[in-house]
Amino acid sequence: MQIVANNNKARHDYKIMDKFEAGIVLKGTEVKSVRTSGCTIGDSYVMIEKMQAFVHNMHIPEFVKSSYFKAEPKRTRKLLLNKQELKKLTGLITQKGLTIIPLKIYFNDKGLLKMEIAVAKGVTQYDKRARIKDEIVTREIDREMRRHSKGSY
């Protein structure tokens, strides 16, 4: 698996509830562009319209060596999901405060471009600070435990 783009901001700003894998419908030289120069998914999001999923604000730069076909870099792209996944996603996002965000884009073992999407809930600033505080406390406790266990031998 070759990771092309990763959305680190999503893991910081959202609490991930459920993950799905989706294919992406691309035009012309977009796959070549993704292979050579990558893409960005930092501000992108997924919407479900008429039982079809679309990713918005995903930026794929134009392929430099393309002669005539140039796709728009920030166009809306369709995601390939089966009916059961679309129904599950639709049911989940009807709950208040839940959204669908892309986590990463990668080429799988067969060489196909896939996107990992997640149903997520936004995290407030207070929750972020509490999580960071808990991480610091557990790190200090582990450090003390290691220091005392080394001295007991």
N, C-alpha and C. Protein backbone atom coordinates (compact mmCIF):
# COMPACT_ATOMS: atom_id res chain seq x y z
N MET A 1 0.84 -1.18 0.00
CA MET A 1 0.00 0.00 0.00
C MET A 1 0.89 1.24 0.00
N GLN A 2 0.69 2.10 -1.00
CA GLN A 2 1.46 3.33 -1.13
C GLN A 2 0.55 4.51 -0.80
N ILE A 3 0.81 5.18 0.32
CA ILE A 3 -0.02 6.30 0.76
C ILE A 3 0.37 7.54 -0.03
N VAL A 4 -0.64 8.21 -0.61
CA VAL A 4 -0.43 9.40 -1.42
C VAL A 4 -0.67 10.66 -0.60
N ALA A 5 -1.78 10.69 0.15
CA ALA A 5 -2.14 11.85 0.95
C ALA A 5 -2.71 11.39 2.27
N ASN A 6 -2.39 12.13 3.32
CA ASN A 6 -2.85 11.79 4.66
C ASN A 6 -3.48 13.04 5.28
N ASN A 7 -4.58 12.89 5.97
CA ASN A 7 -5.28 14.02 6.58
C ASN A 7 -5.04 13.99 8.09
N ASN A 8 -3.90 14.52 8.52
CA ASN A 8 -3.57 14.52 9.95
C ASN A 8 -4.45 15.47 10.74
N LYS A 9 -4.91 16.53 10.10
CA LYS A 9 -5.77 17.51 10.76
C LYS A 9 -7.10 16.87 11.18
N ALA A 10 -7.56 15.90 10.41
CA ALA A 10 -8.83 15.25 10.72
C ALA A 10 -8.77 14.51 12.05
N ARG A 11 -7.68 13.81 12.30
CA ARG A 11 -7.56 13.06 13.55
C ARG A 11 -7.47 13.99 14.76
N HIS A 12 -7.02 15.21 14.53
CA HIS A 12 -6.92 16.17 15.63
C HIS A 12 -8.25 16.87 15.88
N ASP A 13 -8.98 17.19 14.81
CA ASP A 13 -10.21 17.98 14.93
C ASP A 13 -11.48 17.14 15.08
N TYR A 14 -11.40 15.84 14.83
CA TYR A 14 -12.59 14.99 14.86
C TYR A 14 -12.33 13.72 15.66
N LYS A 15 -13.42 13.18 16.19
CA LYS A 15 -13.38 11.86 16.81
C LYS A 15 -13.91 10.88 15.77
N ILE A 16 -13.08 9.91 15.38
CA ILE A 16 -13.42 8.97 14.31
C ILE A 16 -14.36 7.90 14.87
N MET A 17 -15.51 7.74 14.22
CA MET A 17 -16.50 6.75 14.65
C MET A 17 -16.40 5.46 13.84
N ASP A 18 -16.42 5.57 12.52
CA ASP A 18 -16.45 4.40 11.64
C ASP A 18 -15.68 4.72 10.37
N LYS A 19 -14.99 3.71 9.80
CA LYS A 19 -14.17 3.92 8.60
C LYS A 19 -14.70 3.08 7.44
N PHE A 20 -14.53 3.61 6.23
CA PHE A 20 -14.93 2.92 5.00
C PHE A 20 -13.84 3.12 3.96
N GLU A 21 -13.78 2.21 2.98
CA GLU A 21 -12.86 2.33 1.85
C GLU A 21 -13.69 2.56 0.60
N ALA A 22 -13.31 3.59 -0.19
CA ALA A 22 -14.05 3.92 -1.40
C ALA A 22 -13.09 4.14 -2.56
N GLY A 23 -13.56 3.79 -3.75
CA GLY A 23 -12.80 4.10 -4.96
C GLY A 23 -13.14 5.52 -5.39
N ILE A 24 -12.30 6.10 -6.25
CA ILE A 24 -12.51 7.47 -6.72
C ILE A 24 -12.61 7.44 -8.24
N VAL A 25 -13.61 8.16 -8.78
CA VAL A 25 -13.74 8.28 -10.23
C VAL A 25 -12.90 9.47 -10.67
N LEU A 26 -11.90 9.20 -11.52
CA LEU A 26 -11.00 10.24 -12.01
C LEU A 26 -11.07 10.33 -13.53
N LYS A 27 -10.69 11.48 -14.06
CA LYS A 27 -10.72 11.70 -15.51
C LYS A 27 -9.31 11.89 -16.05
N GLY A 28 -9.11 11.40 -17.27
CA GLY A 28 -7.90 11.68 -18.03
C GLY A 28 -6.61 11.39 -17.31
N THR A 29 -5.82 12.42 -17.12
CA THR A 29 -4.47 12.26 -16.58
C THR A 29 -4.40 12.48 -15.07
N GLU A 30 -5.55 12.45 -14.39
CA GLU A 30 -5.54 12.70 -12.95
C GLU A 30 -4.77 11.62 -12.18
N VAL A 31 -4.84 10.39 -12.61
CA VAL A 31 -4.12 9.31 -11.91
C VAL A 31 -2.62 9.53 -12.04
N LYS A 32 -2.17 9.90 -13.24
CA LYS A 32 -0.74 10.20 -13.43
C LYS A 32 -0.32 11.37 -12.55
N SER A 33 -1.17 12.37 -12.44
CA SER A 33 -0.86 13.52 -11.61
C SER A 33 -0.76 13.14 -10.14
N VAL A 34 -1.65 12.27 -9.69
CA VAL A 34 -1.61 11.80 -8.30
C VAL A 34 -0.33 11.01 -8.05
N ARG A 35 0.06 10.18 -9.01
CA ARG A 35 1.28 9.39 -8.85
C ARG A 35 2.53 10.26 -8.78
N THR A 36 2.59 11.32 -9.60
CA THR A 36 3.79 12.14 -9.66
C THR A 36 3.83 13.23 -8.59
N SER A 37 2.73 13.98 -8.43
CA SER A 37 2.79 15.13 -7.52
C SER A 37 1.84 15.04 -6.34
N GLY A 38 1.08 13.95 -6.23
CA GLY A 38 0.21 13.76 -5.07
C GLY A 38 -1.04 14.61 -5.13
N CYS A 39 -1.70 14.73 -4.00
CA CYS A 39 -2.91 15.55 -3.89
C CYS A 39 -3.06 15.98 -2.44
N THR A 40 -3.97 16.91 -2.20
CA THR A 40 -4.21 17.38 -0.84
C THR A 40 -5.68 17.18 -0.47
N ILE A 41 -5.90 16.72 0.76
CA ILE A 41 -7.27 16.47 1.23
C ILE A 41 -7.53 17.15 2.57
N GLY A 42 -6.73 18.14 2.91
CA GLY A 42 -6.83 18.79 4.21
C GLY A 42 -8.18 19.44 4.47
N ASP A 43 -8.75 20.11 3.49
CA ASP A 43 -10.02 20.81 3.67
C ASP A 43 -11.19 20.12 2.99
N SER A 44 -11.00 18.88 2.58
CA SER A 44 -12.06 18.22 1.83
C SER A 44 -13.07 17.53 2.76
N TYR A 45 -14.24 17.29 2.20
CA TYR A 45 -15.32 16.63 2.92
C TYR A 45 -16.15 15.83 1.93
N VAL A 46 -16.98 14.93 2.44
CA VAL A 46 -17.79 14.06 1.60
C VAL A 46 -19.27 14.38 1.83
N MET A 47 -20.01 14.48 0.72
CA MET A 47 -21.45 14.71 0.79
C MET A 47 -22.15 13.56 0.07
N ILE A 48 -23.33 13.19 0.56
CA ILE A 48 -24.13 12.16 -0.10
C ILE A 48 -25.35 12.84 -0.70
N GLU A 49 -25.45 12.72 -2.04
CA GLU A 49 -26.55 13.34 -2.77
C GLU A 49 -27.19 12.28 -3.67
N LYS A 50 -28.47 12.05 -3.51
CA LYS A 50 -29.22 11.08 -4.33
C LYS A 50 -28.57 9.70 -4.30
N MET A 51 -28.23 9.23 -3.11
CA MET A 51 -27.61 7.92 -2.88
C MET A 51 -26.30 7.74 -3.67
N GLN A 52 -25.54 8.82 -3.81
CA GLN A 52 -24.20 8.78 -4.38
C GLN A 52 -23.31 9.66 -3.53
N ALA A 53 -22.07 9.22 -3.32
CA ALA A 53 -21.13 9.98 -2.49
C ALA A 53 -20.20 10.78 -3.38
N PHE A 54 -19.94 12.03 -2.98
CA PHE A 54 -19.05 12.92 -3.70
C PHE A 54 -18.08 13.57 -2.72
N VAL A 55 -16.82 13.69 -3.14
CA VAL A 55 -15.82 14.37 -2.33
C VAL A 55 -15.63 15.77 -2.90
N HIS A 56 -15.68 16.77 -2.02
CA HIS A 56 -15.53 18.17 -2.39
C HIS A 56 -14.20 18.70 -1.87
N ASN A 57 -13.64 19.67 -2.57
CA ASN A 57 -12.40 20.37 -2.18
C ASN A 57 -11.15 19.50 -2.16
N MET A 58 -11.15 18.39 -2.85
CA MET A 58 -9.94 17.58 -2.97
C MET A 58 -9.13 18.17 -4.13
N HIS A 59 -7.88 18.53 -3.87
CA HIS A 59 -7.06 19.19 -4.88
C HIS A 59 -6.09 18.21 -5.52
N ILE A 60 -6.27 17.98 -6.82
CA ILE A 60 -5.33 17.19 -7.62
C ILE A 60 -4.74 18.15 -8.65
N PRO A 61 -3.44 18.45 -8.57
CA PRO A 61 -2.86 19.41 -9.51
C PRO A 61 -2.91 18.90 -10.95
N GLU A 62 -2.84 19.84 -11.90
CA GLU A 62 -2.85 19.46 -13.31
C GLU A 62 -1.57 18.70 -13.64
N PHE A 63 -1.69 17.73 -14.52
CA PHE A 63 -0.53 16.95 -14.96
C PHE A 63 0.31 17.83 -15.88
N VAL A 64 1.58 17.98 -15.57
CA VAL A 64 2.47 18.90 -16.28
C VAL A 64 2.64 18.51 -17.75
N LYS A 65 2.78 17.24 -18.03
CA LYS A 65 3.08 16.79 -19.39
C LYS A 65 1.82 16.56 -20.23
N SER A 66 0.67 16.94 -19.73
CA SER A 66 -0.56 16.76 -20.48
C SER A 66 -0.63 17.76 -21.63
N SER A 67 -1.05 17.29 -22.80
CA SER A 67 -1.07 18.18 -23.96
C SER A 67 -2.42 18.88 -24.13
N TYR A 68 -3.51 18.14 -24.06
CA TYR A 68 -4.79 18.77 -24.36
C TYR A 68 -5.82 18.63 -23.25
N PHE A 69 -5.82 17.55 -22.49
CA PHE A 69 -6.85 17.35 -21.48
C PHE A 69 -6.34 17.80 -20.12
N LYS A 70 -6.98 18.79 -19.56
CA LYS A 70 -6.61 19.27 -18.23
C LYS A 70 -7.89 19.34 -17.40
N ALA A 71 -7.95 18.56 -16.35
CA ALA A 71 -9.12 18.56 -15.47
C ALA A 71 -8.98 19.69 -14.46
N GLU A 72 -10.09 20.18 -13.99
CA GLU A 72 -10.09 21.23 -12.98
C GLU A 72 -9.54 20.65 -11.67
N PRO A 73 -8.57 21.32 -11.04
CA PRO A 73 -7.92 20.74 -9.85
C PRO A 73 -8.85 20.49 -8.66
N LYS A 74 -9.84 21.35 -8.41
CA LYS A 74 -10.69 21.19 -7.23
C LYS A 74 -12.12 20.79 -7.59
N ARG A 75 -12.29 20.05 -8.66
CA ARG A 75 -13.64 19.65 -9.04
C ARG A 75 -14.19 18.61 -8.07
N THR A 76 -15.51 18.44 -8.06
CA THR A 76 -16.17 17.44 -7.25
C THR A 76 -15.98 16.08 -7.90
N ARG A 77 -15.55 15.09 -7.12
CA ARG A 77 -15.28 13.75 -7.65
C ARG A 77 -16.20 12.73 -6.97
N LYS A 78 -16.67 11.79 -7.76
CA LYS A 78 -17.58 10.76 -7.26
C LYS A 78 -16.79 9.66 -6.56
N LEU A 79 -17.35 9.15 -5.47
CA LEU A 79 -16.76 8.03 -4.76
C LEU A 79 -17.56 6.77 -5.06
N LEU A 80 -16.86 5.65 -5.14
CA LEU A 80 -17.50 4.38 -5.45
C LEU A 80 -17.70 3.57 -4.17
N LEU A 81 -18.95 3.46 -3.75
CA LEU A 81 -19.34 2.68 -2.58
C LEU A 81 -20.52 1.79 -2.97
N ASN A 82 -20.68 0.66 -2.27
CA ASN A 82 -21.85 -0.16 -2.58
C ASN A 82 -23.08 0.34 -1.82
N LYS A 83 -24.25 -0.20 -2.18
CA LYS A 83 -25.52 0.29 -1.64
C LYS A 83 -25.61 0.20 -0.12
N GLN A 84 -25.13 -0.92 0.42
CA GLN A 84 -25.21 -1.10 1.87
C GLN A 84 -24.37 -0.04 2.59
N GLU A 85 -23.18 0.24 2.07
CA GLU A 85 -22.33 1.26 2.68
C GLU A 85 -22.97 2.64 2.58
N LEU A 86 -23.58 2.94 1.43
CA LEU A 86 -24.24 4.24 1.27
C LEU A 86 -25.42 4.39 2.22
N LYS A 87 -26.19 3.31 2.40
CA LYS A 87 -27.32 3.36 3.33
C LYS A 87 -26.83 3.56 4.77
N LYS A 88 -25.77 2.87 5.12
CA LYS A 88 -25.22 3.00 6.47
C LYS A 88 -24.69 4.41 6.70
N LEU A 89 -23.97 4.95 5.72
CA LEU A 89 -23.46 6.32 5.83
C LEU A 89 -24.58 7.33 5.94
N THR A 90 -25.62 7.17 5.13
CA THR A 90 -26.75 8.08 5.17
C THR A 90 -27.42 8.05 6.54
N GLY A 91 -27.59 6.85 7.08
CA GLY A 91 -28.19 6.73 8.42
C GLY A 91 -27.33 7.35 9.50
N LEU A 92 -26.02 7.22 9.39
CA LEU A 92 -25.13 7.75 10.41
C LEU A 92 -25.05 9.27 10.39
N ILE A 93 -25.01 9.87 9.18
CA ILE A 93 -24.83 11.32 9.14
C ILE A 93 -26.12 12.09 9.40
N THR A 94 -27.26 11.39 9.49
CA THR A 94 -28.48 12.09 9.85
C THR A 94 -28.47 12.46 11.34
N GLN A 95 -27.60 11.80 12.10
CA GLN A 95 -27.45 12.15 13.51
C GLN A 95 -26.77 13.51 13.61
N LYS A 96 -27.16 14.28 14.58
CA LYS A 96 -26.64 15.64 14.72
C LYS A 96 -25.16 15.64 15.06
N GLY A 97 -24.40 16.45 14.35
CA GLY A 97 -22.99 16.63 14.65
C GLY A 97 -22.05 15.67 13.95
N LEU A 98 -22.54 14.73 13.15
CA LEU A 98 -21.67 13.79 12.46
C LEU A 98 -21.45 14.23 11.02
N THR A 99 -20.26 13.99 10.53
CA THR A 99 -19.90 14.34 9.16
C THR A 99 -19.01 13.26 8.57
N ILE A 100 -18.82 13.29 7.27
CA ILE A 100 -17.95 12.32 6.60
C ILE A 100 -16.72 13.06 6.09
N ILE A 101 -15.54 12.58 6.47
CA ILE A 101 -14.29 13.22 6.06
C ILE A 101 -13.33 12.19 5.49
N PRO A 102 -12.49 12.59 4.54
CA PRO A 102 -11.46 11.67 4.04
C PRO A 102 -10.28 11.62 4.99
N LEU A 103 -9.74 10.43 5.23
CA LEU A 103 -8.58 10.27 6.10
C LEU A 103 -7.28 10.13 5.33
N LYS A 104 -7.31 9.30 4.28
CA LYS A 104 -6.10 9.13 3.47
C LYS A 104 -6.46 8.63 2.08
N ILE A 105 -5.54 8.87 1.16
CA ILE A 105 -5.66 8.38 -0.21
C ILE A 105 -4.44 7.52 -0.47
N TYR A 106 -4.66 6.35 -1.07
CA TYR A 106 -3.56 5.43 -1.28
C TYR A 106 -3.82 4.55 -2.50
N PHE A 107 -2.75 3.95 -3.00
CA PHE A 107 -2.84 2.94 -4.04
C PHE A 107 -2.80 1.58 -3.35
N ASN A 108 -3.79 0.73 -3.63
CA ASN A 108 -3.82 -0.59 -2.99
C ASN A 108 -2.87 -1.55 -3.70
N ASP A 109 -2.91 -2.81 -3.32
CA ASP A 109 -2.01 -3.82 -3.88
C ASP A 109 -2.19 -4.02 -5.38
N LYS A 110 -3.40 -3.78 -5.88
CA LYS A 110 -3.69 -3.96 -7.30
C LYS A 110 -3.37 -2.70 -8.11
N GLY A 111 -2.93 -1.64 -7.45
CA GLY A 111 -2.60 -0.40 -8.15
C GLY A 111 -3.78 0.53 -8.35
N LEU A 112 -4.88 0.28 -7.65
CA LEU A 112 -6.07 1.13 -7.76
C LEU A 112 -6.02 2.22 -6.70
N LEU A 113 -6.49 3.42 -7.07
CA LEU A 113 -6.50 4.55 -6.14
C LEU A 113 -7.73 4.44 -5.25
N LYS A 114 -7.51 4.40 -3.94
CA LYS A 114 -8.59 4.27 -2.97
C LYS A 114 -8.54 5.42 -1.97
N MET A 115 -9.69 5.71 -1.37
CA MET A 115 -9.78 6.74 -0.34
C MET A 115 -10.39 6.12 0.91
N GLU A 116 -9.76 6.35 2.04
CA GLU A 116 -10.34 5.91 3.31
C GLU A 116 -11.13 7.08 3.87
N ILE A 117 -12.43 6.88 4.04
CA ILE A 117 -13.29 7.92 4.59
C ILE A 117 -13.78 7.48 5.96
N ALA A 118 -14.19 8.46 6.76
CA ALA A 118 -14.63 8.14 8.11
C ALA A 118 -15.83 8.99 8.50
N VAL A 119 -16.72 8.40 9.25
CA VAL A 119 -17.79 9.15 9.89
C VAL A 119 -17.20 9.68 11.18
N ALA A 120 -17.29 11.00 11.37
CA ALA A 120 -16.60 11.61 12.50
C ALA A 120 -17.49 12.66 13.17
N LYS A 121 -17.15 12.92 14.41
CA LYS A 121 -17.84 13.95 15.18
C LYS A 121 -16.83 15.02 15.55
N GLY A 122 -17.18 16.27 15.37
CA GLY A 122 -16.28 17.37 15.69
C GLY A 122 -15.95 17.42 17.18
N VAL A 123 -14.70 17.74 17.49
CA VAL A 123 -14.24 17.81 18.87
C VAL A 123 -14.09 19.27 19.25
N THR A 124 -14.57 19.62 20.44
CA THR A 124 -14.46 21.00 20.89
C THR A 124 -13.05 21.27 21.40
N GLN A 125 -12.73 22.54 21.55
CA GLN A 125 -11.40 22.93 22.02
C GLN A 125 -11.14 22.37 23.42
N TYR A 126 -12.16 22.31 24.27
CA TYR A 126 -11.98 21.78 25.61
C TYR A 126 -11.59 20.31 25.56
N ASP A 127 -12.26 19.55 24.68
CA ASP A 127 -11.95 18.13 24.55
C ASP A 127 -10.52 17.91 24.08
N LYS A 128 -10.05 18.76 23.17
CA LYS A 128 -8.68 18.64 22.67
C LYS A 128 -7.68 18.86 23.80
N ARG A 129 -7.93 19.88 24.62
CA ARG A 129 -7.02 20.16 25.73
C ARG A 129 -7.04 19.03 26.75
N ALA A 130 -8.21 18.47 27.02
CA ALA A 130 -8.31 17.37 27.97
C ALA A 130 -7.57 16.14 27.46
N ARG A 131 -7.66 15.87 26.16
CA ARG A 131 -6.97 14.73 25.58
C ARG A 131 -5.46 14.91 25.67
N ILE A 132 -4.98 16.12 25.37
CA ILE A 132 -3.53 16.40 25.45
C ILE A 132 -3.06 16.27 26.89
N LYS A 133 -3.85 16.75 27.84
CA LYS A 133 -3.50 16.65 29.25
C LYS A 133 -3.42 15.18 29.68
N ASP A 134 -4.38 14.37 29.26
CA ASP A 134 -4.35 12.94 29.59
C ASP A 134 -3.13 12.26 29.00
N GLU A 135 -2.76 12.60 27.77
CA GLU A 135 -1.57 12.02 27.15
C GLU A 135 -0.31 12.38 27.92
N ILE A 136 -0.21 13.62 28.37
CA ILE A 136 0.96 14.05 29.14
C ILE A 136 1.03 13.31 30.47
N VAL A 137 -0.10 13.16 31.15
CA VAL A 137 -0.14 12.48 32.43
C VAL A 137 0.27 11.01 32.27
N THR A 138 -0.28 10.33 31.27
CA THR A 138 0.07 8.92 31.08
C THR A 138 1.54 8.76 30.69
N ARG A 139 2.07 9.70 29.93
CA ARG A 139 3.48 9.65 29.56
C ARG A 139 4.37 9.81 30.79
N GLU A 140 4.01 10.74 31.69
CA GLU A 140 4.79 10.94 32.92
C GLU A 140 4.70 9.72 33.83
N ILE A 141 3.52 9.11 33.92
CA ILE A 141 3.37 7.91 34.75
C ILE A 141 4.22 6.78 34.21
N ASP A 142 4.20 6.58 32.87
CA ASP A 142 5.04 5.55 32.26
C ASP A 142 6.52 5.81 32.51
N ARG A 143 6.90 7.05 32.41
CA ARG A 143 8.31 7.42 32.63
C ARG A 143 8.74 7.09 34.06
N GLU A 144 7.88 7.42 35.03
CA GLU A 144 8.18 7.13 36.44
C GLU A 144 8.22 5.63 36.70
N MET A 145 7.29 4.90 36.08
CA MET A 145 7.26 3.45 36.26
C MET A 145 8.55 2.81 35.72
N ARG A 146 9.00 3.28 34.56
CA ARG A 146 10.24 2.76 33.98
C ARG A 146 11.44 3.11 34.85
N ARG A 147 11.45 4.33 35.39
CA ARG A 147 12.57 4.77 36.22
C ARG A 147 12.65 3.95 37.51
N HIS A 148 11.51 3.68 38.12
CA HIS A 148 11.50 2.89 39.37
C HIS A 148 11.77 1.41 39.11
N SER A 149 11.32 0.91 37.96
CA SER A 149 11.56 -0.52 37.68
C SER A 149 13.04 -0.79 37.39
N LYS A 150 13.75 0.18 36.84
CA LYS A 150 15.17 0.01 36.57
C LYS A 150 15.98 -0.01 37.86
N GLY A 151 15.54 0.76 38.84
CA GLY A 151 16.27 0.85 40.10
C GLY A 151 16.03 -0.34 41.02
N SER A 152 14.97 -1.13 40.77
CA SER A 152 14.65 -2.24 41.68
C SER A 152 15.48 -3.48 41.41
N TYR A 153 16.22 -3.57 40.35
CA TYR A 153 17.00 -4.75 40.04
C TYR A 153 18.17 -4.77 40.94
